[in-house]
Protein backbone atom coordinates (compact mmCIF):
# COMPACT_ATOMS: atom_id res chain seq x y z
CA MET A 1 14.16 -0.56 -11.84
CA ASN A 2 12.86 -4.01 -10.84
CA LEU A 3 13.35 -6.50 -13.67
CA ALA A 4 11.49 -9.82 -13.60
CA TYR A 5 12.48 -13.13 -15.16
CA THR A 6 12.04 -16.82 -14.36
CA ARG A 7 14.34 -19.46 -12.95
CA GLN A 8 13.68 -22.86 -14.42
CA GLY A 9 14.41 -26.41 -13.38
CA LYS A 10 13.66 -29.78 -14.92
CA GLU A 11 14.20 -33.31 -13.66
CA THR A 12 13.37 -36.61 -15.34
CA PHE A 13 13.23 -39.90 -13.43
CA GLU A 14 12.43 -43.53 -14.00
CA VAL A 15 10.45 -44.54 -10.94
CA SER A 16 9.98 -48.15 -9.84
CA TYR A 17 6.24 -47.74 -9.31
CA SER A 18 3.31 -48.14 -11.66
CA LEU A 19 1.74 -45.15 -13.36
CA ASN A 20 -1.45 -45.61 -11.32
CA VAL A 21 0.43 -45.56 -8.01
CA LEU A 22 2.15 -42.30 -8.94
CA TRP A 23 -1.00 -40.75 -10.36
CA GLU A 24 -2.84 -41.41 -7.09
CA ALA A 25 0.06 -40.19 -4.93
CA VAL A 26 0.54 -36.79 -6.62
CA PRO A 27 -2.66 -35.15 -5.26
CA LYS A 28 -1.85 -36.48 -1.77
CA ALA A 29 1.66 -35.02 -1.93
CA VAL A 30 0.36 -31.68 -3.20
CA ALA A 31 -2.20 -31.54 -0.38
CA LYS A 32 0.41 -32.44 2.23
CA LEU A 33 2.66 -29.63 0.97
CA GLU A 34 -0.33 -27.25 0.97
CA TRP A 35 0.19 -26.48 -2.71
CA LYS A 36 -2.58 -26.29 -5.31
CA ILE A 37 -3.39 -28.42 -8.36
CA GLU A 38 -4.39 -26.05 -11.14
CA GLU A 39 -4.95 -28.72 -13.82
CA ALA A 40 -5.02 -32.50 -13.90
CA ASP A 41 -5.52 -34.49 -17.10
CA GLU A 42 -5.81 -38.20 -16.44
CA ALA A 43 -5.83 -39.05 -20.16
CA THR A 44 -2.33 -37.56 -20.67
CA HIS A 45 -1.18 -37.98 -17.04
CA HIS A 46 -0.27 -34.30 -16.84
CA VAL A 47 -0.60 -32.21 -13.68
CA LYS A 48 -0.01 -28.46 -13.29
CA ILE A 49 0.78 -27.31 -9.74
CA LYS A 50 1.19 -23.92 -8.08
CA THR A 51 3.43 -23.92 -5.00
CA LYS A 52 3.26 -21.51 -2.10
CA GLY A 53 5.60 -18.57 -1.99
CA ALA A 54 7.94 -17.81 0.89
CA PHE A 55 9.56 -14.71 2.35
CA LEU A 56 11.13 -12.83 -0.58
CA SER A 57 10.12 -15.64 -2.95
CA TYR A 58 7.28 -16.15 -5.38
CA GLY A 59 5.52 -19.48 -5.76
CA SER A 60 6.63 -21.82 -8.53
CA GLU A 61 4.57 -23.32 -11.32
CA MET A 62 5.26 -27.01 -11.87
CA ASP A 63 4.28 -29.36 -14.65
CA ILE A 64 4.40 -33.09 -14.01
CA ASP A 65 4.20 -35.52 -16.91
CA MET A 66 4.06 -39.26 -16.34
CA LEU A 67 4.45 -42.05 -18.88
CA ALA A 68 4.30 -45.80 -18.23
CA ILE A 69 7.42 -47.61 -19.38
CA ASP A 70 6.05 -50.98 -18.28
CA GLU A 71 3.70 -52.28 -15.58
CA LYS A 72 6.10 -51.46 -12.75
CA THR A 73 8.10 -48.50 -14.09
CA THR A 74 7.06 -44.93 -14.85
CA LYS A 75 8.96 -42.09 -16.45
CA MET A 76 8.20 -38.87 -14.58
CA THR A 77 9.28 -35.43 -15.75
CA ILE A 78 8.91 -32.43 -13.46
CA SER A 79 9.44 -28.98 -14.95
CA ALA A 80 9.23 -25.89 -12.77
CA GLU A 81 9.71 -22.18 -13.08
CA THR A 82 9.74 -19.46 -10.48
CA PRO A 83 9.43 -15.75 -11.24
CA VAL A 84 12.20 -13.70 -9.66
CA THR A 85 13.10 -10.04 -9.65
CA THR A 86 16.36 -8.23 -9.09
CA ILE A 87 15.24 -7.80 -5.47
CA THR A 88 14.29 -11.45 -4.81
CA ALA A 89 17.00 -13.11 -6.94
CA MET A 90 19.51 -13.72 -4.14
CA ALA A 91 16.95 -14.97 -1.60
CA ASP A 92 15.36 -17.19 -4.23
CA TYR A 93 18.51 -18.86 -5.58
CA GLY A 94 17.96 -22.63 -5.79
CA ARG A 95 14.33 -22.45 -4.70
CA THR A 96 12.96 -23.98 -7.92
CA ARG A 97 15.12 -27.12 -7.69
CA GLU A 98 14.49 -27.29 -3.95
CA ARG A 99 10.74 -27.41 -4.55
CA ILE A 100 11.17 -30.21 -7.09
CA ALA A 101 13.21 -32.15 -4.51
CA VAL A 102 10.60 -31.57 -1.80
CA LEU A 103 7.85 -32.88 -4.08
CA ILE A 104 9.87 -35.99 -4.94
CA SER A 105 10.67 -36.65 -1.29
CA THR A 106 7.03 -36.22 -0.28
CA LEU A 107 5.87 -38.55 -3.06
CA GLY A 108 8.36 -41.16 -1.86
CA LYS A 109 7.10 -40.94 1.71
CA ILE A 110 3.47 -41.21 0.65
CA ILE A 111 4.09 -44.19 -1.64
CA SER A 112 6.22 -46.03 0.94
CA GLY A 113 3.75 -45.30 3.73
CA ALA A 114 6.31 -43.43 5.84
């Protein structure tokens, strides 16, 4: 028997960049990571992303929500879930949070021009 379930992760940050800077950087980061934007709603500043899978690992689905706190600060919440099975569970342990971290790191590099 091969049971399936999801592993979930969620991170919330206050970022010292404007909402517009982040909104413009997300598609660039997704393209650099060779992931796919499934939905983007500029009115609500919500983006749904599908990551690539890896050996013995399914791709993750990520939701990014951004909210301006002030002109220079944005609250960003990234929620992700990855389907796993009893076969892939050990190889996939920590993959969801790792993908969130990779996205954040890539966004930082794009915004800083590194």
